[in-house]
Amino acid sequence: MMSMVPIDIEGRTFLGISVQLPKTTLLVVTSDKGYIMCGALDVALLNEKLQDRKIIAGRAVGVKTLDQLLDAPLESVTLEAENLGIKKGMLGRDALMYM
């Protein structure tokens, strides 16, 4: 099962995507510039192998719902996210406001 829902943060609308897979749920909240995601996101891969794409993204671990993803501190962020001022430990919802 997959669901997509609009998420309003301080008057800006983001898209929340939840995909239920066997034994896990894939969670993403995206903007037009970047996204935050659950622990399935491989930040090292984005920084090393896909660096030329300049992907703006952050990863939160241990989250099971979109609300938890928004309120969780980011465990890691891409180099491009850091260039925008997004930092490790920042709450997902706060990081989205930079995107």
PDB file of N, CA and C in Angstrom:
ATOM      1  N   MET A   1       0.848  -1.180   0.000  1.00  0.00           N
ATOM      2  CA  MET A   1       0.000   0.000   0.000  1.00  0.00           C
ATOM      3  C   MET A   1       0.889   1.237   0.000  1.00  0.00           C
ATOM      4  N   MET A   2       0.470   2.240  -0.736  1.00  0.00           N
ATOM      5  CA  MET A   2       1.198   3.494  -0.806  1.00  0.00           C
ATOM      6  C   MET A   2       0.225   4.636  -0.575  1.00  0.00           C
ATOM      7  N   SER A   3       0.696   5.656   0.174  1.00  0.00           N
ATOM      8  CA  SER A   3      -0.142   6.844   0.357  1.00  0.00           C
ATOM      9  C   SER A   3       0.699   8.086   0.140  1.00  0.00           C
ATOM     10  N   MET A   4       0.055   9.114  -0.394  1.00  0.00           N
ATOM     11  CA  MET A   4       0.675  10.416  -0.572  1.00  0.00           C
ATOM     12  C   MET A   4      -0.255  11.451   0.040  1.00  0.00           C
ATOM     13  N   VAL A   5       0.322  12.295   0.892  1.00  0.00           N
ATOM     14  CA  VAL A   5      -0.484  13.301   1.576  1.00  0.00           C
ATOM     15  C   VAL A   5       0.250  14.636   1.560  1.00  0.00           C
ATOM     16  N   PRO A   6      -0.511  15.734   1.423  1.00  0.00           N
ATOM     17  CA  PRO A   6       0.124  17.041   1.552  1.00  0.00           C
ATOM     18  C   PRO A   6       0.448  17.298   3.021  1.00  0.00           C
ATOM     19  N   ILE A   7       1.580  17.928   3.267  1.00  0.00           N
ATOM     20  CA  ILE A   7       1.989  18.279   4.627  1.00  0.00           C
ATOM     21  C   ILE A   7       2.263  19.776   4.660  1.00  0.00           C
ATOM     22  N   ASP A   8       1.545  20.490   5.511  1.00  0.00           N
ATOM     23  CA  ASP A   8       1.722  21.938   5.638  1.00  0.00           C
ATOM     24  C   ASP A   8       2.659  22.238   6.808  1.00  0.00           C
ATOM     25  N   ILE A   9       3.699  22.999   6.531  1.00  0.00           N
ATOM     26  CA  ILE A   9       4.612  23.472   7.568  1.00  0.00           C
ATOM     27  C   ILE A   9       4.787  24.967   7.354  1.00  0.00           C
ATOM     28  N   GLU A  10       4.296  25.740   8.292  1.00  0.00           N
ATOM     29  CA  GLU A  10       4.419  27.195   8.251  1.00  0.00           C
ATOM     30  C   GLU A  10       3.985  27.778   6.910  1.00  0.00           C
ATOM     31  N   GLY A  11       2.869  27.279   6.387  1.00  0.00           N
ATOM     32  CA  GLY A  11       2.314  27.808   5.156  1.00  0.00           C
ATOM     33  C   GLY A  11       2.925  27.261   3.873  1.00  0.00           C
ATOM     34  N   ARG A  12       3.895  26.381   3.991  1.00  0.00           N
ATOM     35  CA  ARG A  12       4.485  25.737   2.810  1.00  0.00           C
ATOM     36  C   ARG A  12       3.985  24.307   2.730  1.00  0.00           C
ATOM     37  N   THR A  13       3.726  23.839   1.536  1.00  0.00           N
ATOM     38  CA  THR A  13       3.197  22.493   1.359  1.00  0.00           C
ATOM     39  C   THR A  13       4.287  21.563   0.825  1.00  0.00           C
ATOM     40  N   PHE A  14       4.424  20.445   1.501  1.00  0.00           N
ATOM     41  CA  PHE A  14       5.365  19.388   1.128  1.00  0.00           C
ATOM     42  C   PHE A  14       4.550  18.141   0.829  1.00  0.00           C
ATOM     43  N   LEU A  15       5.172  17.161   0.194  1.00  0.00           N
ATOM     44  CA  LEU A  15       4.488  15.917  -0.122  1.00  0.00           C
ATOM     45  C   LEU A  15       5.050  14.803   0.742  1.00  0.00           C
ATOM     46  N   GLY A  16       4.178  14.164   1.520  1.00  0.00           N
ATOM     47  CA  GLY A  16       4.558  13.019   2.338  1.00  0.00           C
ATOM     48  C   GLY A  16       4.195  11.736   1.618  1.00  0.00           C
ATOM     49  N   ILE A  17       5.156  10.837   1.537  1.00  0.00           N
ATOM     50  CA  ILE A  17       4.940   9.566   0.839  1.00  0.00           C
ATOM     51  C   ILE A  17       5.275   8.424   1.795  1.00  0.00           C
ATOM     52  N   SER A  18       4.358   7.484   1.902  1.00  0.00           N
ATOM     53  CA  SER A  18       4.544   6.318   2.749  1.00  0.00           C
ATOM     54  C   SER A  18       4.287   5.076   1.907  1.00  0.00           C
ATOM     55  N   VAL A  19       5.264   4.172   1.881  1.00  0.00           N
ATOM     56  CA  VAL A  19       5.132   2.939   1.111  1.00  0.00           C
ATOM     57  C   VAL A  19       5.319   1.772   2.069  1.00  0.00           C
ATOM     58  N   GLN A  20       4.271   0.977   2.228  1.00  0.00           N
ATOM     59  CA  GLN A  20       4.355  -0.190   3.102  1.00  0.00           C
ATOM     60  C   GLN A  20       4.937  -1.353   2.311  1.00  0.00           C
ATOM     61  N   LEU A  21       6.089  -1.820   2.775  1.00  0.00           N
ATOM     62  CA  LEU A  21       6.791  -2.944   2.156  1.00  0.00           C
ATOM     63  C   LEU A  21       6.801  -4.100   3.142  1.00  0.00           C
ATOM     64  N   PRO A  22       7.136  -5.295   2.709  1.00  0.00           N
ATOM     65  CA  PRO A  22       7.233  -6.391   3.666  1.00  0.00           C
ATOM     66  C   PRO A  22       8.241  -6.061   4.773  1.00  0.00           C
ATOM     67  N   LYS A  23       7.792  -6.095   5.993  1.00  0.00           N
ATOM     68  CA  LYS A  23       8.612  -5.905   7.193  1.00  0.00           C
ATOM     69  C   LYS A  23       9.171  -4.497   7.395  1.00  0.00           C
ATOM     70  N   THR A  24       8.743  -3.521   6.584  1.00  0.00           N
ATOM     71  CA  THR A  24       9.210  -2.147   6.785  1.00  0.00           C
ATOM     72  C   THR A  24       8.290  -1.167   6.070  1.00  0.00           C
ATOM     73  N   THR A  25       8.427   0.093   6.393  1.00  0.00           N
ATOM     74  CA  THR A  25       7.693   1.149   5.714  1.00  0.00           C
ATOM     75  C   THR A  25       8.694   2.197   5.251  1.00  0.00           C
ATOM     76  N   LEU A  26       8.629   2.554   4.001  1.00  0.00           N
ATOM     77  CA  LEU A  26       9.487   3.564   3.418  1.00  0.00           C
ATOM     78  C   LEU A  26       8.798   4.919   3.577  1.00  0.00           C
ATOM     79  N   LEU A  27       9.486   5.894   4.184  1.00  0.00           N
ATOM     80  CA  LEU A  27       8.908   7.206   4.449  1.00  0.00           C
ATOM     81  C   LEU A  27       9.740   8.300   3.807  1.00  0.00           C
ATOM     82  N   VAL A  28       9.068   9.238   3.127  1.00  0.00           N
ATOM     83  CA  VAL A  28       9.735  10.362   2.477  1.00  0.00           C
ATOM     84  C   VAL A  28       8.845  11.589   2.601  1.00  0.00           C
ATOM     85  N   VAL A  29       9.468  12.741   2.884  1.00  0.00           N
ATOM     86  CA  VAL A  29       8.781  14.022   2.750  1.00  0.00           C
ATOM     87  C   VAL A  29       9.649  14.842   1.817  1.00  0.00           C
ATOM     88  N   THR A  30       9.044  15.329   0.731  1.00  0.00           N
ATOM     89  CA  THR A  30       9.808  15.983  -0.316  1.00  0.00           C
ATOM     90  C   THR A  30       9.331  17.406  -0.594  1.00  0.00           C
ATOM     91  N   SER A  31      10.270  18.211  -1.057  1.00  0.00           N
ATOM     92  CA  SER A  31       9.982  19.560  -1.539  1.00  0.00           C
ATOM     93  C   SER A  31      10.418  19.614  -2.990  1.00  0.00           C
ATOM     94  N   ASP A  32      10.413  20.791  -3.577  1.00  0.00           N
ATOM     95  CA  ASP A  32      10.870  20.893  -4.960  1.00  0.00           C
ATOM     96  C   ASP A  32      12.393  20.857  -5.067  1.00  0.00           C
ATOM     97  N   LYS A  33      13.119  21.001  -3.936  1.00  0.00           N
ATOM     98  CA  LYS A  33      14.583  21.026  -3.960  1.00  0.00           C
ATOM     99  C   LYS A  33      15.238  19.793  -3.340  1.00  0.00           C
ATOM    100  N   GLY A  34      14.582  19.173  -2.382  1.00  0.00           N
ATOM    101  CA  GLY A  34      15.206  18.058  -1.676  1.00  0.00           C
ATOM    102  C   GLY A  34      14.189  17.265  -0.887  1.00  0.00           C
ATOM    103  N   TYR A  35      14.704  16.411   0.015  1.00  0.00           N
ATOM    104  CA  TYR A  35      13.800  15.555   0.773  1.00  0.00           C
ATOM    105  C   TYR A  35      14.462  15.054   2.048  1.00  0.00           C
ATOM    106  N   ILE A  36      13.598  14.612   2.961  1.00  0.00           N
ATOM    107  CA  ILE A  36      14.045  13.872   4.134  1.00  0.00           C
ATOM    108  C   ILE A  36      13.436  12.477   4.015  1.00  0.00           C
ATOM    109  N   MET A  37      14.130  11.514   4.613  1.00  0.00           N
ATOM    110  CA  MET A  37      13.703  10.136   4.429  1.00  0.00           C
ATOM    111  C   MET A  37      14.047   9.311   5.654  1.00  0.00           C
ATOM    112  N   CYS A  38      13.430   8.166   5.744  1.00  0.00           N
ATOM    113  CA  CYS A  38      13.697   7.229   6.828  1.00  0.00           C
ATOM    114  C   CYS A  38      15.082   6.610   6.666  1.00  0.00           C
ATOM    115  N   GLY A  39      15.418   5.683   7.528  1.00  0.00           N
ATOM    116  CA  GLY A  39      16.724   5.050   7.553  1.00  0.00           C
ATOM    117  C   GLY A  39      17.114   4.312   6.287  1.00  0.00           C
ATOM    118  N   ALA A  40      16.196   4.100   5.356  1.00  0.00           N
ATOM    119  CA  ALA A  40      16.526   3.414   4.105  1.00  0.00           C
ATOM    120  C   ALA A  40      17.415   4.262   3.197  1.00  0.00           C
ATOM    121  N   LEU A  41      17.500   5.554   3.463  1.00  0.00           N
ATOM    122  CA  LEU A  41      18.313   6.450   2.644  1.00  0.00           C
ATOM    123  C   LEU A  41      19.797   6.216   2.904  1.00  0.00           C
ATOM    124  N   ASP A  42      20.556   6.064   1.847  1.00  0.00           N
ATOM    125  CA  ASP A  42      22.000   5.848   1.949  1.00  0.00           C
ATOM    126  C   ASP A  42      22.717   7.172   1.639  1.00  0.00           C
ATOM    127  N   VAL A  43      22.943   7.973   2.667  1.00  0.00           N
ATOM    128  CA  VAL A  43      23.566   9.281   2.498  1.00  0.00           C
ATOM    129  C   VAL A  43      24.989   9.147   1.958  1.00  0.00           C
ATOM    130  N   ALA A  44      25.732   8.150   2.409  1.00  0.00           N
ATOM    131  CA  ALA A  44      27.098   7.951   1.922  1.00  0.00           C
ATOM    132  C   ALA A  44      27.102   7.724   0.412  1.00  0.00           C
ATOM    133  N   LEU A  45      26.162   6.941  -0.093  1.00  0.00           N
ATOM    134  CA  LEU A  45      26.059   6.706  -1.531  1.00  0.00           C
ATOM    135  C   LEU A  45      25.809   8.021  -2.264  1.00  0.00           C
ATOM    136  N   LEU A  46      24.896   8.835  -1.741  1.00  0.00           N
ATOM    137  CA  LEU A  46      24.590  10.115  -2.389  1.00  0.00           C
ATOM    138  C   LEU A  46      25.804  11.034  -2.388  1.00  0.00           C
ATOM    139  N   ASN A  47      26.558  11.053  -1.286  1.00  0.00           N
ATOM    140  CA  ASN A  47      27.721  11.919  -1.179  1.00  0.00           C
ATOM    141  C   ASN A  47      28.906  11.426  -2.009  1.00  0.00           C
ATOM    142  N   GLU A  48      29.052  10.140  -2.139  1.00  0.00           N
ATOM    143  CA  GLU A  48      30.241   9.585  -2.794  1.00  0.00           C
ATOM    144  C   GLU A  48      29.996   9.242  -4.264  1.00  0.00           C
ATOM    145  N   LYS A  49      29.079   8.357  -4.526  1.00  0.00           N
ATOM    146  CA  LYS A  49      28.866   7.871  -5.892  1.00  0.00           C
ATOM    147  C   LYS A  49      28.009   8.797  -6.745  1.00  0.00           C
ATOM    148  N   LEU A  50      27.119   9.556  -6.107  1.00  0.00           N
ATOM    149  CA  LEU A  50      26.198  10.424  -6.861  1.00  0.00           C
ATOM    150  C   LEU A  50      26.434  11.904  -6.555  1.00  0.00           C
ATOM    151  N   GLN A  51      27.635  12.242  -6.126  1.00  0.00           N
ATOM    152  CA  GLN A  51      27.949  13.616  -5.725  1.00  0.00           C
ATOM    153  C   GLN A  51      27.661  14.629  -6.832  1.00  0.00           C
ATOM    154  N   ASP A  52      27.879  14.249  -8.079  1.00  0.00           N
ATOM    155  CA  ASP A  52      27.659  15.165  -9.195  1.00  0.00           C
ATOM    156  C   ASP A  52      26.193  15.570  -9.343  1.00  0.00           C
ATOM    157  N   ARG A  53      25.287  14.824  -8.748  1.00  0.00           N
ATOM    158  CA  ARG A  53      23.856  15.160  -8.809  1.00  0.00           C
ATOM    159  C   ARG A  53      23.453  16.245  -7.811  1.00  0.00           C
ATOM    160  N   LYS A  54      24.312  16.508  -6.826  1.00  0.00           N
ATOM    161  CA  LYS A  54      24.078  17.555  -5.820  1.00  0.00           C
ATOM    162  C   LYS A  54      22.723  17.397  -5.133  1.00  0.00           C
ATOM    163  N   ILE A  55      22.472  16.200  -4.631  1.00  0.00           N
ATOM    164  CA  ILE A  55      21.197  15.876  -3.999  1.00  0.00           C
ATOM    165  C   ILE A  55      21.130  16.472  -2.600  1.00  0.00           C
ATOM    166  N   ILE A  56      20.029  17.134  -2.315  1.00  0.00           N
ATOM    167  CA  ILE A  56      19.771  17.733  -1.013  1.00  0.00           C
ATOM    168  C   ILE A  56      18.855  16.776  -0.261  1.00  0.00           C
ATOM    169  N   ALA A  57      19.397  16.138   0.800  1.00  0.00           N
ATOM    170  CA  ALA A  57      18.602  15.142   1.511  1.00  0.00           C
ATOM    171  C   ALA A  57      19.100  14.950   2.933  1.00  0.00           C
ATOM    172  N   GLY A  58      18.206  14.455   3.771  1.00  0.00           N
ATOM    173  CA  GLY A  58      18.540  14.129   5.148  1.00  0.00           C
ATOM    174  C   GLY A  58      17.898  12.812   5.534  1.00  0.00           C
ATOM    175  N   ARG A  59      18.520  12.132   6.505  1.00  0.00           N
ATOM    176  CA  ARG A  59      18.073  10.803   6.935  1.00  0.00           C
ATOM    177  C   ARG A  59      17.786  10.797   8.429  1.00  0.00           C
ATOM    178  N   ALA A  60      16.627  10.272   8.784  1.00  0.00           N
ATOM    179  CA  ALA A  60      16.267  10.067  10.189  1.00  0.00           C
ATOM    180  C   ALA A  60      16.059   8.564  10.396  1.00  0.00           C
ATOM    181  N   VAL A  61      16.544   8.048  11.508  1.00  0.00           N
ATOM    182  CA  VAL A  61      16.409   6.613  11.780  1.00  0.00           C
ATOM    183  C   VAL A  61      15.418   6.365  12.910  1.00  0.00           C
ATOM    184  N   GLY A  62      14.840   5.167  12.901  1.00  0.00           N
ATOM    185  CA  GLY A  62      13.924   4.770  13.958  1.00  0.00           C
ATOM    186  C   GLY A  62      12.532   5.355  13.847  1.00  0.00           C
ATOM    187  N   VAL A  63      12.174   5.880  12.690  1.00  0.00           N
ATOM    188  CA  VAL A  63      10.848   6.477  12.516  1.00  0.00           C
ATOM    189  C   VAL A  63       9.917   5.490  11.825  1.00  0.00           C
ATOM    190  N   LYS A  64       8.640   5.548  12.203  1.00  0.00           N
ATOM    191  CA  LYS A  64       7.662   4.614  11.649  1.00  0.00           C
ATOM    192  C   LYS A  64       6.468   5.309  11.007  1.00  0.00           C
ATOM    193  N   THR A  65       6.397   6.633  11.155  1.00  0.00           N
ATOM    194  CA  THR A  65       5.301   7.401  10.561  1.00  0.00           C
ATOM    195  C   THR A  65       5.864   8.698   9.989  1.00  0.00           C
ATOM    196  N   LEU A  66       5.084   9.343   9.134  1.00  0.00           N
ATOM    197  CA  LEU A  66       5.502  10.633   8.594  1.00  0.00           C
ATOM    198  C   LEU A  66       5.648  11.672   9.693  1.00  0.00           C
ATOM    199  N   ASP A  67       4.735  11.664  10.669  1.00  0.00           N
ATOM    200  CA  ASP A  67       4.838  12.611  11.786  1.00  0.00           C
ATOM    201  C   ASP A  67       6.135  12.409  12.553  1.00  0.00           C
ATOM    202  N   GLN A  68       6.510  11.162  12.777  1.00  0.00           N
ATOM    203  CA  GLN A  68       7.779  10.893  13.466  1.00  0.00           C
ATOM    204  C   GLN A  68       8.956  11.379  12.631  1.00  0.00           C
ATOM    205  N   LEU A  69       8.893  11.212  11.314  1.00  0.00           N
ATOM    206  CA  LEU A  69       9.953  11.686  10.430  1.00  0.00           C
ATOM    207  C   LEU A  69      10.108  13.200  10.534  1.00  0.00           C
ATOM    208  N   LEU A  70       9.017  13.908  10.590  1.00  0.00           N
ATOM    209  CA  LEU A  70       9.066  15.370  10.711  1.00  0.00           C
ATOM    210  C   LEU A  70       9.675  15.817  12.032  1.00  0.00           C
ATOM    211  N   ASP A  71       9.420  15.070  13.095  1.00  0.00           N
ATOM    212  CA  ASP A  71       9.846  15.480  14.435  1.00  0.00           C
ATOM    213  C   ASP A  71      11.152  14.841  14.890  1.00  0.00           C
ATOM    214  N   ALA A  72      11.741  14.002  14.062  1.00  0.00           N
ATOM    215  CA  ALA A  72      12.984  13.322  14.431  1.00  0.00           C
ATOM    216  C   ALA A  72      14.202  14.172  14.064  1.00  0.00           C
ATOM    217  N   PRO A  73      15.264  14.064  14.859  1.00  0.00           N
ATOM    218  CA  PRO A  73      16.521  14.713  14.467  1.00  0.00           C
ATOM    219  C   PRO A  73      17.153  13.925  13.316  1.00  0.00           C
ATOM    220  N   LEU A  74      17.724  14.641  12.377  1.00  0.00           N
ATOM    221  CA  LEU A  74      18.365  13.981  11.255  1.00  0.00           C
ATOM    222  C   LEU A  74      19.671  13.348  11.707  1.00  0.00           C
ATOM    223  N   GLU A  75      19.842  12.095  11.379  1.00  0.00           N
ATOM    224  CA  GLU A  75      21.029  11.330  11.761  1.00  0.00           C
ATOM    225  C   GLU A  75      22.196  11.639  10.824  1.00  0.00           C
ATOM    226  N   SER A  76      21.879  11.966   9.567  1.00  0.00           N
ATOM    227  CA  SER A  76      22.905  12.343   8.598  1.00  0.00           C
ATOM    228  C   SER A  76      22.258  13.183   7.500  1.00  0.00           C
ATOM    229  N   VAL A  77      23.088  13.992   6.841  1.00  0.00           N
ATOM    230  CA  VAL A  77      22.614  14.846   5.749  1.00  0.00           C
ATOM    231  C   VAL A  77      23.660  14.824   4.635  1.00  0.00           C
ATOM    232  N   THR A  78      23.234  15.114   3.432  1.00  0.00           N
ATOM    233  CA  THR A  78      24.168  15.153   2.310  1.00  0.00           C
ATOM    234  C   THR A  78      25.004  16.434   2.368  1.00  0.00           C
ATOM    235  N   LEU A  79      26.093  16.421   1.615  1.00  0.00           N
ATOM    236  CA  LEU A  79      26.954  17.598   1.538  1.00  0.00           C
ATOM    237  C   LEU A  79      26.201  18.802   0.982  1.00  0.00           C
ATOM    238  N   GLU A  80      25.349  18.573   0.001  1.00  0.00           N
ATOM    239  CA  GLU A  80      24.560  19.674  -0.566  1.00  0.00           C
ATOM    240  C   GLU A  80      23.571  20.230   0.449  1.00  0.00           C
ATOM    241  N   ALA A  81      23.022  19.377   1.305  1.00  0.00           N
ATOM    242  CA  ALA A  81      22.135  19.862   2.370  1.00  0.00           C
ATOM    243  C   ALA A  81      22.925  20.739   3.338  1.00  0.00           C
ATOM    244  N   GLU A  82      24.124  20.308   3.691  1.00  0.00           N
ATOM    245  CA  GLU A  82      24.977  21.105   4.570  1.00  0.00           C
ATOM    246  C   GLU A  82      25.257  22.468   3.960  1.00  0.00           C
ATOM    247  N   ASN A  83      25.453  22.518   2.644  1.00  0.00           N
ATOM    248  CA  ASN A  83      25.705  23.790   1.965  1.00  0.00           C
ATOM    249  C   ASN A  83      24.534  24.762   2.089  1.00  0.00           C
ATOM    250  N   LEU A  84      23.334  24.233   2.315  1.00  0.00           N
ATOM    251  CA  LEU A  84      22.144  25.076   2.503  1.00  0.00           C
ATOM    252  C   LEU A  84      21.928  25.459   3.968  1.00  0.00           C
ATOM    253  N   GLY A  85      22.744  24.912   4.872  1.00  0.00           N
ATOM    254  CA  GLY A  85      22.586  25.208   6.290  1.00  0.00           C
ATOM    255  C   GLY A  85      21.890  24.113   7.076  1.00  0.00           C
ATOM    256  N   ILE A  86      21.564  23.013   6.435  1.00  0.00           N
ATOM    257  CA  ILE A  86      20.935  21.876   7.110  1.00  0.00           C
ATOM    258  C   ILE A  86      22.021  21.098   7.828  1.00  0.00           C
ATOM    259  N   LYS A  87      21.779  20.796   9.101  1.00  0.00           N
ATOM    260  CA  LYS A  87      22.804  20.141   9.899  1.00  0.00           C
ATOM    261  C   LYS A  87      22.290  18.842  10.522  1.00  0.00           C
ATOM    262  N   LYS A  88      23.215  17.943  10.759  1.00  0.00           N
ATOM    263  CA  LYS A  88      22.920  16.717  11.496  1.00  0.00           C
ATOM    264  C   LYS A  88      22.337  17.121  12.847  1.00  0.00           C
ATOM    265  N   GLY A  89      21.282  16.443  13.285  1.00  0.00           N
ATOM    266  CA  GLY A  89      20.632  16.755  14.550  1.00  0.00           C
ATOM    267  C   GLY A  89      19.449  17.700  14.408  1.00  0.00           C
ATOM    268  N   MET A  90      19.351  18.388  13.283  1.00  0.00           N
ATOM    269  CA  MET A  90      18.218  19.291  13.029  1.00  0.00           C
ATOM    270  C   MET A  90      16.949  18.461  12.849  1.00  0.00           C
ATOM    271  N   LEU A  91      15.834  18.952  13.342  1.00  0.00           N
ATOM    272  CA  LEU A  91      14.571  18.243  13.150  1.00  0.00           C
ATOM    273  C   LEU A  91      14.198  18.230  11.675  1.00  0.00           C
ATOM    274  N   GLY A  92      13.561  17.145  11.252  1.00  0.00           N
ATOM    275  CA  GLY A  92      13.164  17.011   9.861  1.00  0.00           C
ATOM    276  C   GLY A  92      12.356  18.188   9.358  1.00  0.00           C
ATOM    277  N   ARG A  93      11.382  18.643  10.138  1.00  0.00           N
ATOM    278  CA  ARG A  93      10.528  19.756   9.703  1.00  0.00           C
ATOM    279  C   ARG A  93      11.334  21.032   9.521  1.00  0.00           C
ATOM    280  N   ASP A  94      12.332  21.240  10.373  1.00  0.00           N
ATOM    281  CA  ASP A  94      13.177  22.433  10.256  1.00  0.00           C
ATOM    282  C   ASP A  94      14.051  22.354   9.014  1.00  0.00           C
ATOM    283  N   ALA A  95      14.580  21.167   8.726  1.00  0.00           N
ATOM    284  CA  ALA A  95      15.407  20.972   7.540  1.00  0.00           C
ATOM    285  C   ALA A  95      14.598  21.259   6.260  1.00  0.00           C
ATOM    286  N   LEU A  96      13.349  20.835   6.243  1.00  0.00           N
ATOM    287  CA  LEU A  96      12.514  21.048   5.061  1.00  0.00           C
ATOM    288  C   LEU A  96      12.354  22.533   4.749  1.00  0.00           C
ATOM    289  N   MET A  97      12.373  23.363   5.751  1.00  0.00           N
ATOM    290  CA  MET A  97      12.203  24.802   5.520  1.00  0.00           C
ATOM    291  C   MET A  97      13.393  25.409   4.783  1.00  0.00           C
ATOM    292  N   TYR A  98      14.526  24.738   4.781  1.00  0.00           N
ATOM    293  CA  TYR A  98      15.699  25.184   4.018  1.00  0.00           C
ATOM    294  C   TYR A  98      15.622  24.734   2.551  1.00  0.00           C
ATOM    295  N   MET A  99      14.737  23.790   2.285  1.00  0.00           N
ATOM    296  CA  MET A  99      14.691  23.184   0.943  1.00  0.00           C
ATOM    297  C   MET A  99      13.712  23.911   0.030  1.00  0.00           C
TER     298      MET A  99
END
